[in-house]
Amino acid sequence: MGSMTDVLLRVGRLNYVWTNTESLLIYIIAHMLAADKETAVVVFLTLNTTRARIDLVERLAKRAATPPAEREVILALMARLKKEAKVRNKYNHSIYSFDERGDISSTQLMRLVETDSEIRYGKVEQMDARELGQLEQSIAEIAEISKALWAFIHASPRLRGEL
């Protein structure tokens, strides 16, 4: 089980690296639309979910006008980002259960799963050393995605002028 401070510090770091990384999509959108940063910010902020922003970037990358090498890089990065979005969503949309010492003992995801005959909610997962390790891995992976996005951005002569 993780102490409340340990878990909340990691969740805070997860949100910090996520927000910084997701904001880099502004530059990718600018690049893909051949627009200035201000226009890309308007598009980014108009799409009010991470999923919508990633969908836009993927769809723009899939256009015939996108060079194949760029398409490959962008789609691979978006696939990695979507995988980590699941982790972020888990920790941001869960209820935390505490043990008798006040440490976080488990998370319960606040999501409905409906079948033809029943409704279930809240997959429960123990907050143990393995789970904390996976949280750390996710934070590291998001940081690596950020570095890869920056490398893509810096490789674009037009985007360098927007930085």
N, C-alpha and C. Protein backbone atom coordinates (compact mmCIF):
# COMPACT_ATOMS: atom_id res chain seq x y z
N MET A 1 0.83 -1.17 0.00
CA MET A 1 0.00 0.00 0.00
C MET A 1 0.88 1.24 0.00
N GLY A 2 0.40 2.27 -0.66
CA GLY A 2 1.17 3.49 -0.76
C GLY A 2 0.68 4.53 0.23
N SER A 3 1.62 5.21 0.84
CA SER A 3 1.19 6.29 1.73
C SER A 3 0.47 7.32 0.88
N MET A 4 -0.45 8.03 1.51
CA MET A 4 -1.22 9.01 0.78
C MET A 4 -0.30 10.02 0.11
N THR A 5 0.72 10.45 0.79
CA THR A 5 1.66 11.43 0.23
C THR A 5 2.36 10.85 -1.00
N ASP A 6 2.85 9.61 -0.92
CA ASP A 6 3.53 8.98 -2.05
C ASP A 6 2.62 8.89 -3.27
N VAL A 7 1.40 8.45 -3.06
CA VAL A 7 0.46 8.28 -4.17
C VAL A 7 0.09 9.64 -4.76
N LEU A 8 -0.26 10.59 -3.91
CA LEU A 8 -0.69 11.89 -4.41
C LEU A 8 0.44 12.65 -5.10
N LEU A 9 1.67 12.49 -4.61
CA LEU A 9 2.80 13.11 -5.30
C LEU A 9 2.98 12.51 -6.70
N ARG A 10 2.82 11.20 -6.80
CA ARG A 10 2.94 10.56 -8.12
C ARG A 10 1.80 10.97 -9.04
N VAL A 11 0.59 11.03 -8.52
CA VAL A 11 -0.55 11.45 -9.34
C VAL A 11 -0.36 12.90 -9.78
N GLY A 12 0.16 13.73 -8.89
CA GLY A 12 0.47 15.11 -9.27
C GLY A 12 1.51 15.19 -10.36
N ARG A 13 2.56 14.38 -10.25
CA ARG A 13 3.59 14.33 -11.30
C ARG A 13 3.00 13.82 -12.60
N LEU A 14 2.13 12.81 -12.51
CA LEU A 14 1.47 12.27 -13.70
C LEU A 14 0.69 13.38 -14.41
N ASN A 15 -0.07 14.16 -13.67
CA ASN A 15 -0.85 15.23 -14.27
C ASN A 15 0.04 16.33 -14.83
N TYR A 16 1.13 16.62 -14.15
CA TYR A 16 2.07 17.64 -14.62
C TYR A 16 2.69 17.24 -15.96
N VAL A 17 3.23 16.02 -16.04
CA VAL A 17 3.86 15.60 -17.30
C VAL A 17 2.81 15.44 -18.39
N TRP A 18 1.61 15.00 -18.02
CA TRP A 18 0.55 14.84 -19.00
C TRP A 18 0.17 16.19 -19.61
N THR A 19 -0.10 17.17 -18.77
CA THR A 19 -0.53 18.48 -19.26
C THR A 19 0.53 19.11 -20.15
N ASN A 20 1.78 19.03 -19.74
CA ASN A 20 2.86 19.58 -20.57
C ASN A 20 2.96 18.86 -21.90
N THR A 21 2.81 17.56 -21.88
CA THR A 21 2.91 16.77 -23.11
C THR A 21 1.72 17.02 -24.02
N GLU A 22 0.52 17.01 -23.45
CA GLU A 22 -0.67 17.24 -24.28
C GLU A 22 -0.62 18.62 -24.94
N SER A 23 -0.09 19.61 -24.24
CA SER A 23 -0.03 20.96 -24.82
C SER A 23 0.86 21.01 -26.05
N LEU A 24 1.78 20.07 -26.19
CA LEU A 24 2.62 20.04 -27.39
C LEU A 24 1.82 19.71 -28.64
N LEU A 25 0.63 19.17 -28.45
CA LEU A 25 -0.23 18.89 -29.60
C LEU A 25 -0.59 20.19 -30.33
N ILE A 26 -0.52 21.32 -29.63
CA ILE A 26 -0.75 22.61 -30.28
C ILE A 26 0.20 22.78 -31.46
N TYR A 27 1.47 22.46 -31.24
CA TYR A 27 2.47 22.61 -32.31
C TYR A 27 2.26 21.59 -33.42
N ILE A 28 1.85 20.40 -33.05
CA ILE A 28 1.58 19.37 -34.06
C ILE A 28 0.39 19.79 -34.91
N ILE A 29 -0.65 20.32 -34.26
CA ILE A 29 -1.82 20.81 -34.99
C ILE A 29 -1.42 21.96 -35.91
N ALA A 30 -0.61 22.89 -35.41
CA ALA A 30 -0.15 24.00 -36.24
C ALA A 30 0.59 23.47 -37.47
N HIS A 31 1.45 22.50 -37.25
CA HIS A 31 2.23 21.92 -38.34
C HIS A 31 1.30 21.25 -39.36
N MET A 32 0.39 20.42 -38.86
CA MET A 32 -0.47 19.65 -39.75
C MET A 32 -1.45 20.53 -40.53
N LEU A 33 -1.88 21.63 -39.92
CA LEU A 33 -2.81 22.54 -40.59
C LEU A 33 -2.10 23.65 -41.36
N ALA A 34 -0.77 23.69 -41.27
CA ALA A 34 0.01 24.79 -41.86
C ALA A 34 -0.54 26.12 -41.36
N ALA A 35 -0.76 26.19 -40.05
CA ALA A 35 -1.34 27.38 -39.42
C ALA A 35 -0.34 27.95 -38.42
N ASP A 36 -0.63 29.16 -37.95
CA ASP A 36 0.20 29.74 -36.91
C ASP A 36 -0.20 29.18 -35.55
N LYS A 37 0.62 29.45 -34.56
CA LYS A 37 0.38 28.92 -33.22
C LYS A 37 -0.95 29.41 -32.65
N GLU A 38 -1.28 30.67 -32.86
CA GLU A 38 -2.52 31.22 -32.32
C GLU A 38 -3.74 30.46 -32.85
N THR A 39 -3.74 30.16 -34.14
CA THR A 39 -4.83 29.39 -34.74
C THR A 39 -4.88 27.99 -34.13
N ALA A 40 -3.72 27.39 -33.98
CA ALA A 40 -3.67 26.04 -33.39
C ALA A 40 -4.16 26.04 -31.94
N VAL A 41 -3.86 27.09 -31.19
CA VAL A 41 -4.35 27.19 -29.81
C VAL A 41 -5.88 27.24 -29.80
N VAL A 42 -6.46 28.01 -30.71
CA VAL A 42 -7.92 28.09 -30.79
C VAL A 42 -8.51 26.71 -31.08
N VAL A 43 -7.93 26.00 -32.04
CA VAL A 43 -8.41 24.65 -32.37
C VAL A 43 -8.25 23.73 -31.16
N PHE A 44 -7.08 23.74 -30.55
CA PHE A 44 -6.78 22.89 -29.39
C PHE A 44 -7.79 23.12 -28.27
N LEU A 45 -8.03 24.39 -27.93
CA LEU A 45 -8.92 24.71 -26.82
C LEU A 45 -10.39 24.50 -27.15
N THR A 46 -10.73 24.54 -28.44
CA THR A 46 -12.11 24.27 -28.86
C THR A 46 -12.43 22.79 -28.67
N LEU A 47 -11.45 21.95 -28.89
CA LEU A 47 -11.61 20.51 -28.66
C LEU A 47 -11.35 20.29 -27.17
N ASN A 48 -12.40 20.07 -26.41
CA ASN A 48 -12.24 20.10 -24.95
C ASN A 48 -11.95 18.76 -24.30
N THR A 49 -11.57 17.76 -25.09
CA THR A 49 -11.14 16.50 -24.48
C THR A 49 -9.83 16.05 -25.11
N THR A 50 -9.08 15.33 -24.34
CA THR A 50 -7.84 14.75 -24.85
C THR A 50 -8.14 13.86 -26.04
N ARG A 51 -9.18 13.06 -25.92
CA ARG A 51 -9.52 12.13 -27.00
C ARG A 51 -9.76 12.86 -28.31
N ALA A 52 -10.51 13.98 -28.24
CA ALA A 52 -10.80 14.75 -29.46
C ALA A 52 -9.52 15.33 -30.05
N ARG A 53 -8.61 15.78 -29.21
CA ARG A 53 -7.36 16.36 -29.70
C ARG A 53 -6.49 15.30 -30.38
N ILE A 54 -6.40 14.14 -29.75
CA ILE A 54 -5.62 13.06 -30.36
C ILE A 54 -6.27 12.60 -31.65
N ASP A 55 -7.61 12.47 -31.66
CA ASP A 55 -8.32 12.08 -32.88
C ASP A 55 -8.02 13.05 -34.02
N LEU A 56 -8.05 14.36 -33.73
CA LEU A 56 -7.75 15.35 -34.76
C LEU A 56 -6.35 15.15 -35.32
N VAL A 57 -5.37 15.03 -34.43
CA VAL A 57 -3.99 14.86 -34.87
C VAL A 57 -3.85 13.60 -35.72
N GLU A 58 -4.46 12.51 -35.29
CA GLU A 58 -4.39 11.26 -36.06
C GLU A 58 -5.04 11.42 -37.44
N ARG A 59 -6.18 12.05 -37.47
CA ARG A 59 -6.88 12.23 -38.75
C ARG A 59 -6.10 13.13 -39.69
N LEU A 60 -5.51 14.18 -39.15
CA LEU A 60 -4.68 15.05 -39.99
C LEU A 60 -3.46 14.29 -40.51
N ALA A 61 -2.89 13.44 -39.67
CA ALA A 61 -1.72 12.66 -40.09
C ALA A 61 -2.06 11.66 -41.18
N LYS A 62 -3.28 11.17 -41.20
CA LYS A 62 -3.70 10.15 -42.17
C LYS A 62 -4.04 10.73 -43.54
N ARG A 63 -4.06 12.04 -43.66
CA ARG A 63 -4.36 12.64 -44.96
C ARG A 63 -3.28 12.27 -45.98
N ALA A 64 -3.69 12.21 -47.22
CA ALA A 64 -2.75 11.89 -48.30
C ALA A 64 -1.64 12.93 -48.39
N ALA A 65 -1.92 14.17 -47.99
CA ALA A 65 -0.92 15.24 -48.08
C ALA A 65 0.21 15.10 -47.06
N THR A 66 0.02 14.26 -46.06
CA THR A 66 1.04 14.10 -45.02
C THR A 66 2.14 13.18 -45.53
N PRO A 67 3.38 13.63 -45.49
CA PRO A 67 4.47 12.75 -45.91
C PRO A 67 4.47 11.46 -45.08
N PRO A 68 4.68 10.32 -45.72
CA PRO A 68 4.62 9.04 -45.01
C PRO A 68 5.50 8.96 -43.76
N ALA A 69 6.69 9.53 -43.81
CA ALA A 69 7.58 9.47 -42.65
C ALA A 69 6.97 10.24 -41.47
N GLU A 70 6.37 11.40 -41.75
CA GLU A 70 5.71 12.16 -40.69
C GLU A 70 4.51 11.41 -40.15
N ARG A 71 3.72 10.84 -41.05
CA ARG A 71 2.54 10.08 -40.65
C ARG A 71 2.94 8.97 -39.67
N GLU A 72 3.98 8.26 -40.02
CA GLU A 72 4.43 7.14 -39.19
C GLU A 72 4.82 7.62 -37.79
N VAL A 73 5.59 8.69 -37.73
CA VAL A 73 6.04 9.22 -36.44
C VAL A 73 4.85 9.69 -35.61
N ILE A 74 3.99 10.50 -36.22
CA ILE A 74 2.85 11.07 -35.49
C ILE A 74 1.91 9.97 -35.00
N LEU A 75 1.57 9.03 -35.85
CA LEU A 75 0.64 7.97 -35.44
C LEU A 75 1.24 7.10 -34.34
N ALA A 76 2.53 6.85 -34.41
CA ALA A 76 3.19 6.06 -33.36
C ALA A 76 3.17 6.82 -32.03
N LEU A 77 3.44 8.11 -32.07
CA LEU A 77 3.41 8.90 -30.84
C LEU A 77 2.00 9.00 -30.27
N MET A 78 1.00 9.13 -31.14
CA MET A 78 -0.38 9.22 -30.65
C MET A 78 -0.83 7.87 -30.05
N ALA A 79 -0.37 6.77 -30.60
CA ALA A 79 -0.69 5.46 -30.03
C ALA A 79 -0.11 5.34 -28.63
N ARG A 80 1.12 5.80 -28.46
CA ARG A 80 1.74 5.77 -27.13
C ARG A 80 1.00 6.69 -26.16
N LEU A 81 0.60 7.86 -26.65
CA LEU A 81 -0.10 8.81 -25.80
C LEU A 81 -1.47 8.27 -25.38
N LYS A 82 -2.17 7.61 -26.30
CA LYS A 82 -3.48 7.02 -25.96
C LYS A 82 -3.34 5.94 -24.88
N LYS A 83 -2.28 5.17 -24.98
CA LYS A 83 -2.05 4.13 -23.97
C LYS A 83 -1.87 4.76 -22.59
N GLU A 84 -1.10 5.82 -22.52
CA GLU A 84 -0.87 6.48 -21.23
C GLU A 84 -2.09 7.28 -20.77
N ALA A 85 -2.95 7.68 -21.70
CA ALA A 85 -4.18 8.38 -21.33
C ALA A 85 -5.05 7.49 -20.44
N LYS A 86 -5.01 6.20 -20.68
CA LYS A 86 -5.78 5.26 -19.85
C LYS A 86 -5.32 5.31 -18.40
N VAL A 87 -4.01 5.39 -18.21
CA VAL A 87 -3.46 5.47 -16.85
C VAL A 87 -3.88 6.78 -16.20
N ARG A 88 -3.72 7.87 -16.94
CA ARG A 88 -4.10 9.18 -16.42
C ARG A 88 -5.58 9.20 -16.05
N ASN A 89 -6.41 8.69 -16.93
CA ASN A 89 -7.85 8.66 -16.65
C ASN A 89 -8.18 7.83 -15.42
N LYS A 90 -7.46 6.74 -15.27
CA LYS A 90 -7.68 5.89 -14.10
C LYS A 90 -7.49 6.67 -12.81
N TYR A 91 -6.38 7.38 -12.72
CA TYR A 91 -6.08 8.07 -11.46
C TYR A 91 -6.87 9.37 -11.28
N ASN A 92 -7.38 9.91 -12.37
CA ASN A 92 -8.17 11.13 -12.25
C ASN A 92 -9.66 10.87 -12.12
N HIS A 93 -10.08 9.64 -12.38
CA HIS A 93 -11.50 9.31 -12.32
C HIS A 93 -11.74 8.12 -11.40
N SER A 94 -10.99 8.08 -10.33
CA SER A 94 -11.13 7.00 -9.35
C SER A 94 -11.47 7.57 -7.98
N ILE A 95 -12.06 6.72 -7.19
CA ILE A 95 -12.23 7.00 -5.77
C ILE A 95 -11.12 6.22 -5.08
N TYR A 96 -10.49 6.83 -4.10
CA TYR A 96 -9.40 6.18 -3.39
C TYR A 96 -9.93 5.65 -2.06
N SER A 97 -9.57 4.41 -1.76
CA SER A 97 -9.93 3.80 -0.48
C SER A 97 -8.71 3.82 0.42
N PHE A 98 -8.97 4.00 1.71
CA PHE A 98 -7.88 4.13 2.68
C PHE A 98 -7.94 3.00 3.70
N ASP A 99 -6.77 2.61 4.22
CA ASP A 99 -6.72 1.61 5.27
C ASP A 99 -6.80 2.31 6.63
N GLU A 100 -6.66 1.53 7.67
CA GLU A 100 -6.80 2.06 9.04
C GLU A 100 -5.70 3.07 9.40
N ARG A 101 -4.56 3.05 8.69
CA ARG A 101 -3.48 4.01 8.95
C ARG A 101 -3.64 5.29 8.13
N GLY A 102 -4.61 5.31 7.24
CA GLY A 102 -4.81 6.48 6.38
C GLY A 102 -4.05 6.40 5.07
N ASP A 103 -3.41 5.25 4.80
CA ASP A 103 -2.72 5.06 3.52
C ASP A 103 -3.73 4.64 2.46
N ILE A 104 -3.44 4.99 1.22
CA ILE A 104 -4.32 4.59 0.12
C ILE A 104 -4.12 3.10 -0.14
N SER A 105 -5.20 2.34 -0.01
CA SER A 105 -5.09 0.89 -0.18
C SER A 105 -5.56 0.41 -1.54
N SER A 106 -6.45 1.18 -2.18
CA SER A 106 -6.94 0.77 -3.50
C SER A 106 -7.57 1.94 -4.22
N THR A 107 -7.75 1.74 -5.52
CA THR A 107 -8.49 2.69 -6.34
C THR A 107 -9.73 1.99 -6.86
N GLN A 108 -10.80 2.76 -7.04
CA GLN A 108 -12.01 2.22 -7.63
C GLN A 108 -12.40 3.16 -8.76
N LEU A 109 -12.32 2.65 -9.99
CA LEU A 109 -12.59 3.45 -11.16
C LEU A 109 -14.07 3.77 -11.23
N MET A 110 -14.39 5.02 -11.41
CA MET A 110 -15.77 5.46 -11.48
C MET A 110 -16.24 5.47 -12.93
N ARG A 111 -16.57 4.28 -13.40
CA ARG A 111 -17.02 4.10 -14.78
C ARG A 111 -18.01 2.95 -14.81
N LEU A 112 -19.09 3.14 -15.55
CA LEU A 112 -20.10 2.09 -15.69
C LEU A 112 -19.73 1.16 -16.84
N VAL A 113 -19.96 -0.12 -16.60
CA VAL A 113 -19.85 -1.12 -17.65
C VAL A 113 -21.21 -1.80 -17.70
N GLU A 114 -21.89 -1.65 -18.83
CA GLU A 114 -23.25 -2.16 -18.96
C GLU A 114 -23.28 -3.29 -19.97
N THR A 115 -23.88 -4.41 -19.57
CA THR A 115 -24.12 -5.52 -20.49
C THR A 115 -25.62 -5.63 -20.70
N ASP A 116 -26.05 -6.65 -21.42
CA ASP A 116 -27.48 -6.84 -21.65
C ASP A 116 -28.25 -7.07 -20.37
N SER A 117 -27.59 -7.67 -19.37
CA SER A 117 -28.33 -8.08 -18.18
C SER A 117 -27.89 -7.42 -16.88
N GLU A 118 -26.83 -6.64 -16.91
CA GLU A 118 -26.38 -6.04 -15.65
C GLU A 118 -25.56 -4.78 -15.86
N ILE A 119 -25.42 -4.05 -14.77
CA ILE A 119 -24.55 -2.88 -14.74
C ILE A 119 -23.51 -3.12 -13.66
N ARG A 120 -22.26 -2.90 -14.03
CA ARG A 120 -21.18 -2.99 -13.05
C ARG A 120 -20.46 -1.65 -13.08
N TYR A 121 -19.82 -1.34 -12.00
CA TYR A 121 -19.03 -0.13 -11.95
C TYR A 121 -17.84 -0.34 -11.06
N GLY A 122 -16.88 0.50 -11.27
CA GLY A 122 -15.81 0.64 -10.33
C GLY A 122 -14.86 -0.52 -10.17
N LYS A 123 -14.10 -0.83 -11.21
CA LYS A 123 -13.05 -1.83 -11.06
C LYS A 123 -12.13 -1.40 -9.91
N VAL A 124 -11.90 -2.31 -8.98
CA VAL A 124 -11.06 -2.04 -7.81
C VAL A 124 -9.69 -2.64 -8.05
N GLU A 125 -8.65 -1.83 -7.80
CA GLU A 125 -7.28 -2.31 -7.91
C GLU A 125 -6.51 -1.91 -6.66
N GLN A 126 -5.72 -2.84 -6.18
CA GLN A 126 -4.92 -2.57 -4.98
C GLN A 126 -3.80 -1.59 -5.29
N MET A 127 -3.54 -0.71 -4.36
CA MET A 127 -2.44 0.25 -4.49
C MET A 127 -1.24 -0.34 -3.76
N ASP A 128 -0.52 -1.17 -4.47
CA ASP A 128 0.63 -1.85 -3.87
C ASP A 128 1.91 -1.39 -4.57
N ALA A 129 3.01 -1.98 -4.22
CA ALA A 129 4.30 -1.58 -4.79
C ALA A 129 4.30 -1.76 -6.31
N ARG A 130 3.68 -2.81 -6.80
CA ARG A 130 3.60 -3.05 -8.23
C ARG A 130 2.84 -1.92 -8.92
N GLU A 131 1.73 -1.51 -8.35
CA GLU A 131 0.92 -0.44 -8.92
C GLU A 131 1.67 0.89 -8.90
N LEU A 132 2.37 1.17 -7.80
CA LEU A 132 3.17 2.39 -7.72
C LEU A 132 4.28 2.37 -8.78
N GLY A 133 4.87 1.20 -9.00
CA GLY A 133 5.89 1.06 -10.03
C GLY A 133 5.32 1.33 -11.42
N GLN A 134 4.11 0.84 -11.68
CA GLN A 134 3.48 1.08 -12.98
C GLN A 134 3.16 2.56 -13.17
N LEU A 135 2.77 3.21 -12.08
CA LEU A 135 2.52 4.65 -12.13
C LEU A 135 3.81 5.40 -12.48
N GLU A 136 4.91 5.01 -11.86
CA GLU A 136 6.22 5.62 -12.18
C GLU A 136 6.59 5.37 -13.63
N GLN A 137 6.34 4.16 -14.12
CA GLN A 137 6.65 3.84 -15.52
C GLN A 137 5.84 4.72 -16.47
N SER A 138 4.58 4.95 -16.13
CA SER A 138 3.73 5.78 -16.97
C SER A 138 4.25 7.22 -16.99
N ILE A 139 4.65 7.73 -15.85
CA ILE A 139 5.21 9.09 -15.78
C ILE A 139 6.45 9.18 -16.67
N ALA A 140 7.31 8.18 -16.59
CA ALA A 140 8.54 8.16 -17.41
C ALA A 140 8.20 8.06 -18.90
N GLU A 141 7.21 7.25 -19.25
CA GLU A 141 6.83 7.09 -20.65
C GLU A 141 6.25 8.40 -21.21
N ILE A 142 5.43 9.08 -20.44
CA ILE A 142 4.87 10.36 -20.90
C ILE A 142 6.00 11.37 -21.11
N ALA A 143 6.98 11.37 -20.23
CA ALA A 143 8.13 12.27 -20.39
C ALA A 143 8.89 11.93 -21.67
N GLU A 144 9.02 10.65 -22.00
CA GLU A 144 9.69 10.24 -23.23
C GLU A 144 8.89 10.64 -24.47
N ILE A 145 7.56 10.53 -24.39
CA ILE A 145 6.70 10.97 -25.49
C ILE A 145 6.89 12.47 -25.70
N SER A 146 6.97 13.21 -24.61
CA SER A 146 7.19 14.66 -24.68
C SER A 146 8.50 14.96 -25.41
N LYS A 147 9.54 14.25 -25.06
CA LYS A 147 10.84 14.47 -25.72
C LYS A 147 10.75 14.17 -27.22
N ALA A 148 10.04 13.10 -27.56
CA ALA A 148 9.88 12.74 -28.98
C ALA A 148 9.06 13.79 -29.73
N LEU A 149 8.02 14.31 -29.09
CA LEU A 149 7.23 15.38 -29.71
C LEU A 149 8.09 16.62 -29.92
N TRP A 150 8.91 16.97 -28.92
CA TRP A 150 9.81 18.12 -29.05
C TRP A 150 10.79 17.90 -30.20
N ALA A 151 11.30 16.71 -30.33
CA ALA A 151 12.24 16.42 -31.43
C ALA A 151 11.55 16.62 -32.78
N PHE A 152 10.30 16.17 -32.89
CA PHE A 152 9.54 16.35 -34.13
C PHE A 152 9.33 17.84 -34.39
N ILE A 153 8.95 18.57 -33.36
CA ILE A 153 8.69 20.01 -33.48
C ILE A 153 9.96 20.74 -33.91
N HIS A 154 11.08 20.44 -33.27
CA HIS A 154 12.34 21.11 -33.59
C HIS A 154 12.85 20.75 -34.99
N ALA A 155 12.43 19.61 -35.52
CA ALA A 155 12.85 19.21 -36.86
C ALA A 155 12.09 19.96 -37.95
N SER A 156 10.98 20.63 -37.56
CA SER A 156 10.19 21.37 -38.53
C SER A 156 10.66 22.82 -38.58
N PRO A 157 11.23 23.26 -39.70
CA PRO A 157 11.72 24.64 -39.79
C PRO A 157 10.61 25.67 -39.51
N ARG A 158 9.39 25.40 -39.97
CA ARG A 158 8.31 26.34 -39.77
C ARG A 158 7.92 26.44 -38.30
N LEU A 159 7.94 25.32 -37.58
CA LEU A 159 7.55 25.34 -36.18
C LEU A 159 8.61 26.00 -35.30
N ARG A 160 9.86 25.91 -35.69
CA ARG A 160 10.92 26.55 -34.88
C ARG A 160 10.65 28.03 -34.71
N GLY A 161 10.06 28.65 -35.72
CA GLY A 161 9.73 30.07 -35.66
C GLY A 161 8.58 30.36 -34.71
N GLU A 162 7.78 29.35 -34.37
CA GLU A 162 6.63 29.51 -33.47
C GLU A 162 7.00 29.29 -32.00
N LEU A 163 8.19 28.77 -31.74
CA LEU A 163 8.56 28.42 -30.37
C LEU A 163 8.84 29.64 -29.52
